[in-house]
Amino acid sequence: MVLPIFNWTRTHNVAEVSQTDYDNYTTNNPLSIQQSSPANFTLTTSGSPCPICTVPTH
């Protein structure tokens, strides 16, 4: 089990998306989303949901 912690400032977030959505940088269907820093997710297996920011213009 891996517990990554994401820290950010200003207007950002961190969402969990599928590997396919991550590969295509698609943020329309996040599995979960956290708006406050720090955020952490439990990644339990290979192919776990991938972290991504949904704020446009990165």
Protein backbone atom coordinates (compact mmCIF):
# COMPACT_ATOMS: atom_id res chain seq x y z
CA MET A 1 0.00 0.00 0.00
CA VAL A 2 1.27 3.44 -0.94
CA LEU A 3 -0.07 6.62 0.62
CA PRO A 4 1.01 9.58 -1.54
CA ILE A 5 0.48 13.06 -0.13
CA PHE A 6 -0.17 15.97 -2.47
CA ASN A 7 0.50 19.55 -1.41
CA TRP A 8 -0.36 22.64 -3.44
CA THR A 9 -1.09 26.31 -3.19
CA ARG A 10 -3.55 28.58 -4.94
CA THR A 11 -6.35 27.20 -7.10
CA HIS A 12 -5.67 23.50 -7.57
CA ASN A 13 -7.11 20.16 -6.54
CA VAL A 14 -6.28 16.51 -6.90
CA ALA A 15 -8.64 13.96 -8.39
CA GLU A 16 -8.40 10.22 -8.88
CA VAL A 17 -9.10 9.12 -12.45
CA SER A 18 -8.81 5.85 -14.33
CA GLN A 19 -5.60 4.99 -16.15
CA THR A 20 -7.36 5.59 -19.49
CA ASP A 21 -8.57 9.04 -18.42
CA TYR A 22 -5.10 9.86 -17.07
CA ASP A 23 -3.44 8.80 -20.34
CA ASN A 24 -5.89 11.02 -22.26
CA TYR A 25 -5.82 13.84 -19.67
CA THR A 26 -9.58 13.54 -19.29
CA THR A 27 -10.93 14.94 -16.04
CA ASN A 28 -14.68 14.72 -16.76
CA ASN A 29 -15.31 11.60 -14.67
CA PRO A 30 -13.13 11.72 -11.54
CA LEU A 31 -13.54 8.78 -9.19
CA SER A 32 -12.96 11.17 -6.29
CA ILE A 33 -11.67 14.71 -5.85
CA GLN A 34 -10.09 16.62 -2.99
CA GLN A 35 -10.14 20.40 -2.94
CA SER A 36 -7.98 21.02 0.16
CA SER A 37 -4.23 20.64 0.55
CA PRO A 38 -2.70 18.44 1.76
CA ALA A 39 -4.58 15.57 0.17
CA ASN A 40 -3.74 11.91 0.35
CA PHE A 41 -4.94 8.78 -1.38
CA THR A 42 -4.36 5.11 -0.68
CA LEU A 43 -3.04 3.28 -3.72
CA THR A 44 -3.35 -0.43 -3.09
CA THR A 45 -2.49 -2.13 -6.40
CA SER A 46 -0.86 -1.56 -9.72
CA GLY A 47 -3.41 0.16 -11.90
CA SER A 48 -4.93 2.02 -8.98
CA PRO A 49 -6.63 5.28 -9.85
CA CYS A 50 -4.19 7.94 -11.02
CA PRO A 51 -3.90 11.42 -9.47
CA ILE A 52 -4.49 14.47 -11.66
CA CYS A 53 -5.42 18.14 -11.22
CA THR A 54 -8.72 19.14 -12.83
CA VAL A 55 -7.98 22.86 -12.98
CA PRO A 56 -7.63 23.86 -16.66
CA THR A 57 -4.74 25.74 -18.30
CA HIS A 58 -1.79 23.87 -16.80
